[in-house]
Amino acid sequence: MVGCLAVLFLLMVYVNREMPPPAGLATPAFSRRTRRYCNTDGLVREGREGGVVGYNLIGVTVTVRHGDRSAIHGIPGVGMDPVYNCSKVGEDDSPWPQGLRVVSETTGAAIERPTSSQVLSGKMCAAGQLTYLGFTQLKNLGKYMKQAYASHPVVFNTSSMYIRSTDYTRTMLSSAGFLSNFVEDGAQLEVRVHEKEENEFMHGVGLRSSSAGAFGFSSTTGEKVILGGCARAVALSKAQKAAFRKTAHVRQELAALFGVQAADKDITDLGDAIHAGACHELPLPCGQGGCLTAATAADILRSADKFYCDRFTGSAGGKTAAKLAMYPFLRSISDGLQFIADNQTAITTRLYFGHDTVIAPLLASLGAFDCKWPPYASRVVFELWRAETSGDVVVRILYNGLPLTLPGCSGQVLCPLPRFRRIINGLILPSTTLDEACEKPL
């Protein structure tokens, strides 16, 4: 790593001299959805992590979505794109922790990665870059987690951590914000990354999107589609996506305001552009036909939730595709928990920094997805507990601080580790290996 992190504060300014800002930006439906997604109320949701009477905590695995970011997608036909004006964080704000470095998961060697959000020119942020708000969200989340587990010294100490991030600037900077609470007194930590995106199981092994290399906000940039190694998961995901239809009135209004190209845009691409602006209280976008209304914006976000739900739980292929795609990552989590239970291992805390497209299919594969687009700085926590009397080992899973019950655990919050492992192994049934499951005909 070179130098210190100058985390970039994002001041988003929407400029459009041709159209007035739309009325009714803060309708209840629109405000409710964006407030949840933006996760700005207190910057982090405190939860119920860290306390189960009669049990001793022996391990924790956490999967985290990055914090607030600039938009990845633009809306074709917008009169003028929003300008993402970045200015540097002041000297009093947290730099990249001195004891933190990025290393290759494959070789273990230190590798160079950006230590600040990327810009297009001058102070204008590129697409998909972590904002100062996003950095603060992760910094506060790390502070909360440190406090929540303070009475359990076996976890969340610098000698117990394995840390991995996807190879994106926004996720690595999110890890820096989170870990700034733990790197102190000369401690050293490593954030591991797979330099080849296809080797990172957090992304799944099915049909997935990649915004690596996205830089601007025009309709030609954004995400590219990648076909993973599981052919059956790819085919099922394509079938599920093909089954989705925008509501007629949303499509008609988009065409009238921005043109046919906007009406043809994927609903989650539109949702991304709307969410990014709303998280910074910007006016809704305008085109030659007028400005998007808050009511239609709320309908788009509702449809985006529906698309997300179908993508990972849908009967046209989404549910099975998610299970197949996320099996390698969930199997590695399951195996890691079993290793902690069986051994006196030093590594008791595993931290994974990823994306909404990690959180949502992971929860869906476990039968615990609430069918809402995961907010910024969302977290899924797997706690491993050992009973003080019997010695039995159980798993408790929490999503954004709230305990989950899995369908395979008879409605119990504390799921016996053997039963949890059967749930994970059952993701590919009736096949016995992932290769076999991926080669089955549709």
Foldseek 3Di string as FASTA:
>chain_A
DDDKFFAKAWDKAADDPPFDFDPPQPDPLLVVQLCQQLCPPVLAFFFAPADDPQWAFQFKEKEWEFHFWAFQAAFFQFRDAIWTFIDTDDPVDDIQQPQEFEAAPVPRHTDDDDRYFDADPDRTGWHGTQHPSRLQSLLVVLVSVCVSNVVRVLPDALQQEDAEEERDNRLVSSVSSNCVVHDDPPRHDYYYYHPDNLPDLLQFQAKGWDQVVGTHHHNVHGIDIDGGDQQLLNVLLVQLLVPDDQDPVLLVVSCQWRRNVSSPDDLVSVLSNQSSQVSNPHGATTGPRHGDHSVSNSSSQVSNLVSLCSCCQNPSRNVLSLLLGNLVVVLVVLVVLVPSLVDPDSHRYYYYYYHLSSVSSVCSLQVRHPSHRHHHGKMKMWIWIARPPPRFIWIAIDTSRHTDAGPQQVRDRTRGSVSSNVSSCCSQPPDRDSNVSSPDDD
